Amino acid sequence: MLLLIRIFSLLPLSVLYGLSDYLIYPLVRYVVRYRLKLVRKNIRLSFPEKSEEERRAITNNFYHHFADVIVEIIYGYRVSDKEMRERVFFENMELLEDLARKKHGVIAYLGHVCNWEWIADVGKQFMDKSIVEYNVYRKQKNVKADHAMLLLRSKRGGECVEKNVLLRKLVQLRHADHPFVIGLIADQKPSPRNANTWTTFLNQDTAFLDGGEVLARKFDLGVVYVHITAIKRGYYRIHFEMITDNPQSMPDNEITLSYARMIEANIRQQPERWLWTHNRWKWGKPASNS
């Protein structure tokens, strides 16, 4: 896998986009039909107000975007810092850096919106070089896939932290002499035993992981949402939205619910650019949470 990534990453992005358009997209959408029934179901339930034609357009555009993300991740293996800074524009880095210095640490919530992998370039774009970036990830069952993911994500300079050791890492960082930012993707489906926070999200009862909120309260960290917008193909704008600089004063679940509202607005802005292949609503809300 890594050998293929290294080989294809040598190609110009324009050539990779050609592969996306004429090979990956038709293969995934029409030949393999990768999770097509699930994607259609998710989009139909999320946007009941839209016409069938509009939902079909979102579906097709999503698969185009999905193919683009694949080649962009590969291209990111060798992309220069200069080009990445042209492709990923951070609008208000000062908010994130000021909060990191003020609170010593920040949890930056994001989701599988646009190209969520390229956000890892934030560590190389800090004006304050004392700030260190960490990215939380879930260990893959396939060893080769796990190694490839770690290599690709660490290429941009941030350190990957496996979610099961995040608490231990935060204890260490608490005593470190540098501020830090931890990127946390939190729009995945939680396990039933961890489905503690429920809300209406994209027209459906939805559980959200609340681990980020628990850690923010415990360590008194700042919390932001990373709003990603596609400007055009291969170019993204990042805007940091404050959730809180005083997590211990927030009502229970409010940090998690604020994240849910912010990512929903982000998705509704560009619905074709969220990861609809995820089985987000595999199980419904239990009666005890009604």
Protein backbone atom coordinates (compact mmCIF):
# COMPACT_ATOMS: atom_id res chain seq x y z
CA MET A 1 0.00 0.00 0.00
CA LEU A 2 2.74 2.47 0.96
CA LEU A 3 4.62 1.72 -2.24
CA LEU A 4 1.55 2.60 -4.32
CA ILE A 5 1.03 5.79 -2.33
CA ARG A 6 4.64 6.80 -2.90
CA ILE A 7 4.41 6.11 -6.64
CA PHE A 8 1.09 7.89 -7.24
CA SER A 9 2.07 10.83 -5.02
CA LEU A 10 4.73 11.69 -7.64
CA LEU A 11 2.01 12.51 -10.18
CA PRO A 12 0.76 16.10 -10.60
CA LEU A 13 -2.54 16.75 -8.87
CA SER A 14 -4.16 17.48 -12.24
CA VAL A 15 -3.31 13.92 -13.33
CA LEU A 16 -4.62 12.50 -10.06
CA TYR A 17 -7.85 14.42 -10.56
CA GLY A 18 -8.09 12.78 -13.98
CA LEU A 19 -7.87 9.40 -12.25
CA SER A 20 -10.50 10.59 -9.80
CA ASP A 21 -12.91 11.61 -12.59
CA TYR A 22 -12.43 8.74 -15.02
CA LEU A 23 -11.39 5.79 -12.88
CA ILE A 24 -12.11 6.09 -9.14
CA TYR A 25 -15.48 7.86 -9.33
CA PRO A 26 -17.12 5.54 -11.89
CA LEU A 27 -15.58 2.49 -10.22
CA VAL A 28 -16.78 3.39 -6.72
CA ARG A 29 -20.15 4.86 -7.75
CA TYR A 30 -21.30 2.59 -10.59
CA VAL A 31 -19.23 -0.61 -10.56
CA VAL A 32 -18.58 -1.38 -6.89
CA ARG A 33 -21.54 0.82 -5.81
CA TYR A 34 -19.72 1.34 -2.52
CA ARG A 35 -22.34 1.59 0.23
CA LEU A 36 -24.69 3.20 -2.27
CA LYS A 37 -27.87 2.05 -0.52
CA LEU A 38 -26.61 3.43 2.79
CA VAL A 39 -25.58 6.75 1.23
CA ARG A 40 -28.99 7.17 -0.42
CA LYS A 41 -30.77 6.30 2.82
CA ASN A 42 -28.67 8.70 4.90
CA ILE A 43 -29.23 11.57 2.48
CA ARG A 44 -32.97 10.86 2.13
CA LEU A 45 -33.52 10.85 5.90
CA SER A 46 -31.29 13.88 6.45
CA PHE A 47 -32.97 16.05 3.81
CA PRO A 48 -36.67 15.09 3.60
CA GLU A 49 -37.43 18.63 2.41
CA LYS A 50 -35.38 18.18 -0.77
CA SER A 51 -36.67 16.72 -3.99
CA GLU A 52 -35.54 13.34 -5.27
CA GLU A 53 -33.58 15.12 -8.00
CA GLU A 54 -31.76 17.27 -5.43
CA ARG A 55 -30.90 14.23 -3.30
CA ARG A 56 -29.63 12.38 -6.38
CA ALA A 57 -27.36 15.34 -7.17
CA ILE A 58 -25.98 15.32 -3.60
CA THR A 59 -25.32 11.57 -3.91
CA ASN A 60 -23.46 11.84 -7.22
CA ASN A 61 -21.51 14.92 -6.12
CA PHE A 62 -20.58 13.16 -2.88
CA TYR A 63 -18.99 10.26 -4.78
CA HIS A 64 -17.05 12.76 -6.91
CA HIS A 65 -15.83 14.42 -3.71
CA PHE A 66 -15.04 11.04 -2.12
CA ALA A 67 -12.83 10.17 -5.10
CA ASP A 68 -11.12 13.57 -4.88
CA VAL A 69 -10.34 13.11 -1.19
CA ILE A 70 -8.65 9.78 -1.97
CA VAL A 71 -6.28 11.34 -4.50
CA GLU A 72 -5.73 14.46 -2.39
CA ILE A 73 -4.65 12.32 0.56
CA ILE A 74 -2.19 10.51 -1.73
CA TYR A 75 -0.92 13.81 -3.15
CA GLY A 76 -0.45 15.11 0.38
CA TYR A 77 2.31 12.56 0.91
CA ARG A 78 4.77 14.68 -1.09
CA VAL A 79 3.13 18.11 -1.41
CA SER A 80 5.42 21.00 -0.48
CA ASP A 81 4.72 23.27 2.47
CA LYS A 82 4.45 26.21 0.08
CA GLU A 83 1.77 24.56 -2.04
CA MET A 84 -0.15 23.32 1.00
CA ARG A 85 -0.29 26.87 2.36
CA GLU A 86 -1.82 27.94 -0.95
CA ARG A 87 -4.40 25.16 -0.86
CA VAL A 88 -5.42 25.31 2.81
CA PHE A 89 -6.12 28.82 4.06
CA PHE A 90 -6.56 29.36 7.81
CA GLU A 91 -8.62 32.53 8.28
CA ASN A 92 -8.21 33.26 11.99
CA MET A 93 -5.21 31.41 13.37
CA GLU A 94 -4.84 34.11 16.00
CA LEU A 95 -7.98 32.87 17.79
CA LEU A 96 -6.58 29.35 18.04
CA GLU A 97 -3.09 30.49 19.07
CA ASP A 98 -4.34 33.00 21.65
CA LEU A 99 -6.61 30.36 23.18
CA ALA A 100 -3.79 27.79 23.25
CA ARG A 101 -1.56 30.21 25.14
CA LYS A 102 -4.34 31.30 27.48
CA LYS A 103 -5.55 27.81 28.40
CA HIS A 104 -2.28 25.95 27.76
CA GLY A 105 -4.25 23.49 25.61
CA VAL A 106 -7.13 23.44 23.12
CA ILE A 107 -9.41 20.73 21.83
CA ALA A 108 -10.22 21.45 18.19
CA TYR A 109 -13.36 19.57 17.17
CA LEU A 110 -13.78 18.71 13.52
CA GLY A 111 -15.65 16.21 11.38
CA HIS A 112 -15.39 14.27 8.14
CA VAL A 113 -16.15 17.41 6.14
CA CYS A 114 -14.31 18.43 2.95
CA ASN A 115 -10.72 17.17 3.21
CA TRP A 116 -10.39 16.51 6.94
CA GLU A 117 -6.86 15.12 6.48
CA TRP A 118 -5.30 18.34 5.21
CA ILE A 119 -6.32 20.18 8.39
CA ALA A 120 -3.23 18.51 9.91
CA ASP A 121 -1.20 21.23 8.18
CA VAL A 122 -2.24 23.61 10.96
CA GLY A 123 0.84 22.64 12.98
CA LYS A 124 3.14 23.99 10.27
CA GLN A 125 1.20 27.25 9.99
CA PHE A 126 1.36 28.36 13.62
CA MET A 127 3.06 31.72 13.95
CA ASP A 128 3.90 30.77 17.53
CA LYS A 129 6.25 27.82 17.05
CA SER A 130 6.01 26.84 20.72
CA ILE A 131 2.51 25.45 20.08
CA VAL A 132 2.50 21.72 19.36
CA GLU A 133 -0.19 19.88 17.37
CA TYR A 134 -1.56 16.43 18.17
CA ASN A 135 -4.14 14.43 16.22
CA VAL A 136 -6.34 11.79 17.82
CA TYR A 137 -6.85 8.67 15.75
CA ARG A 138 -8.50 5.28 16.04
CA LYS A 139 -6.14 2.35 15.55
CA GLN A 140 -6.97 0.32 12.44
CA LYS A 141 -7.37 -3.45 12.61
CA ASN A 142 -5.29 -3.88 9.46
CA VAL A 143 -1.65 -3.30 10.43
CA LYS A 144 -0.59 -2.07 6.99
CA ALA A 145 -3.55 0.31 6.75
CA ASP A 146 -2.79 1.61 10.24
CA HIS A 147 0.86 2.21 9.34
CA ALA A 148 -0.10 3.99 6.12
CA MET A 149 -2.59 6.25 7.92
CA LEU A 150 -0.06 7.19 10.61
CA LEU A 151 2.58 7.95 8.01
CA LEU A 152 0.26 10.16 5.94
CA ARG A 153 -1.04 12.08 8.94
CA SER A 154 2.37 12.62 10.51
CA LYS A 155 3.76 13.97 7.21
CA ARG A 156 2.31 17.40 8.05
CA GLY A 157 4.20 17.56 11.33
CA GLY A 158 1.56 16.73 13.95
CA GLU A 159 1.93 13.81 16.35
CA CYS A 160 -0.77 11.11 16.20
CA VAL A 161 -2.21 9.98 19.53
CA GLU A 162 -4.25 6.79 19.72
CA LYS A 163 -7.58 7.56 21.38
CA ASN A 164 -7.15 4.93 24.09
CA VAL A 165 -4.02 6.66 25.41
CA LEU A 166 -5.30 10.23 25.03
CA LEU A 167 -6.01 10.64 28.74
CA ARG A 168 -2.47 9.58 29.63
CA LYS A 169 -1.10 11.97 27.00
CA LEU A 170 -3.09 14.88 28.42
CA VAL A 171 -1.71 14.17 31.89
CA GLN A 172 1.79 14.42 30.40
CA LEU A 173 0.95 17.58 28.45
CA ARG A 174 -0.48 19.21 31.53
CA HIS A 175 3.04 19.31 32.94
CA ALA A 176 4.76 20.22 29.68
CA ASP A 177 6.11 23.72 29.16
CA HIS A 178 4.49 24.28 25.77
CA PRO A 179 0.88 24.98 24.71
CA PHE A 180 -0.83 22.40 22.52
CA VAL A 181 -3.77 21.86 20.17
CA ILE A 182 -5.46 18.46 19.90
CA GLY A 183 -7.48 17.74 16.76
CA LEU A 184 -10.46 15.52 17.52
CA ILE A 185 -12.80 14.10 14.86
CA ALA A 186 -16.02 13.45 16.77
CA ASP A 187 -18.79 12.80 14.26
CA GLN A 188 -18.43 9.02 14.29
CA LYS A 189 -21.10 6.71 15.67
CA PRO A 190 -20.40 5.98 19.36
CA SER A 191 -20.79 2.48 20.72
CA PRO A 192 -24.13 1.91 22.50
CA ARG A 193 -22.43 1.99 25.93
CA ASN A 194 -20.88 5.40 25.12
CA ALA A 195 -24.00 6.95 23.58
CA ASN A 196 -24.67 9.37 26.42
CA THR A 197 -25.46 12.61 24.59
CA TRP A 198 -28.39 12.64 22.19
CA THR A 199 -29.80 15.40 20.02
CA THR A 200 -31.67 15.93 16.75
CA PHE A 201 -29.01 16.08 14.04
CA LEU A 202 -29.78 16.18 10.33
CA ASN A 203 -33.43 15.45 11.08
CA GLN A 204 -32.65 12.29 13.09
CA ASP A 205 -32.11 11.25 16.71
CA THR A 206 -28.32 11.06 16.93
CA ALA A 207 -25.83 10.14 19.65
CA PHE A 208 -22.53 12.00 19.93
CA LEU A 209 -19.26 11.07 21.54
CA ASP A 210 -18.77 13.20 24.65
CA GLY A 211 -15.15 12.28 25.42
CA GLY A 212 -13.87 15.65 24.21
CA GLU A 213 -16.19 17.48 26.56
CA VAL A 214 -15.18 15.28 29.51
CA LEU A 215 -11.49 15.95 28.86
CA ALA A 216 -12.02 19.68 28.31
CA ARG A 217 -13.70 19.94 31.71
CA LYS A 218 -11.16 17.76 33.48
CA PHE A 219 -8.12 19.65 32.19
CA ASP A 220 -9.79 23.08 31.74
CA LEU A 221 -9.00 23.28 28.02
CA GLY A 222 -10.25 25.73 25.44
CA VAL A 223 -12.61 24.27 22.84
CA VAL A 224 -13.15 25.33 19.22
CA TYR A 225 -14.91 23.97 16.15
CA VAL A 226 -12.95 23.72 12.89
CA HIS A 227 -15.29 24.91 10.13
CA ILE A 228 -13.99 23.71 6.75
CA THR A 229 -15.31 25.09 3.46
CA ALA A 230 -14.32 24.05 -0.05
CA ILE A 231 -13.43 27.18 -2.04
CA LYS A 232 -12.94 25.20 -5.25
CA ARG A 233 -11.48 21.85 -6.17
CA GLY A 234 -8.40 21.21 -4.03
CA TYR A 235 -8.65 24.49 -2.08
CA TYR A 236 -10.09 24.82 1.41
CA ARG A 237 -10.82 27.60 3.88
CA ILE A 238 -10.56 26.93 7.63
CA HIS A 239 -12.34 29.11 10.19
CA PHE A 240 -12.09 28.45 13.92
CA GLU A 241 -15.31 28.98 15.85
CA MET A 242 -15.11 29.42 19.59
CA ILE A 243 -17.15 26.97 21.66
CA THR A 244 -15.78 27.94 25.06
CA ASP A 245 -12.74 29.21 26.91
CA ASN A 246 -14.28 28.18 30.23
CA PRO A 247 -15.53 24.59 29.88
CA GLN A 248 -16.14 24.10 33.59
CA SER A 249 -18.79 26.84 33.52
CA MET A 250 -20.76 25.22 30.67
CA PRO A 251 -23.93 23.21 31.41
CA ASP A 252 -23.59 19.45 31.10
CA ASN A 253 -23.57 18.27 27.46
CA GLU A 254 -23.53 21.83 26.12
CA ILE A 255 -20.04 21.57 24.60
CA THR A 256 -21.02 18.39 22.76
CA LEU A 257 -24.34 19.87 21.65
CA SER A 258 -22.63 23.04 20.44
CA TYR A 259 -20.32 20.90 18.33
CA ALA A 260 -23.34 19.03 16.92
CA ARG A 261 -25.03 22.30 15.90
CA MET A 262 -21.86 23.68 14.33
CA ILE A 263 -21.03 20.62 12.28
CA GLU A 264 -24.64 20.33 11.10
CA ALA A 265 -24.48 23.92 9.82
CA ASN A 266 -21.17 23.07 8.13
CA ILE A 267 -22.71 20.01 6.44
CA ARG A 268 -25.83 21.85 5.30
CA GLN A 269 -23.60 24.48 3.70
CA GLN A 270 -22.02 21.83 1.41
CA PRO A 271 -23.91 18.56 1.90
CA GLU A 272 -22.00 16.66 -0.77
CA ARG A 273 -18.77 17.10 1.21
CA TRP A 274 -19.60 15.04 4.30
CA LEU A 275 -18.74 11.34 4.64
CA TRP A 276 -22.15 9.80 3.95
CA THR A 277 -20.75 6.25 3.73
CA HIS A 278 -20.49 6.08 7.52
CA ASN A 279 -23.34 4.07 9.09
CA ARG A 280 -24.10 6.94 11.46
CA TRP A 281 -27.61 5.87 12.40
CA LYS A 282 -27.09 2.12 12.68
CA TRP A 283 -29.15 1.93 15.86
CA GLY A 284 -31.87 4.21 17.13
CA LYS A 285 -32.33 6.04 20.38
CA PRO A 286 -33.06 3.66 23.27
CA ALA A 287 -36.28 4.16 25.21
CA SER A 288 -34.32 5.18 28.34
CA ASN A 289 -33.00 8.27 26.50
CA SER A 290 -36.33 9.34 25.06
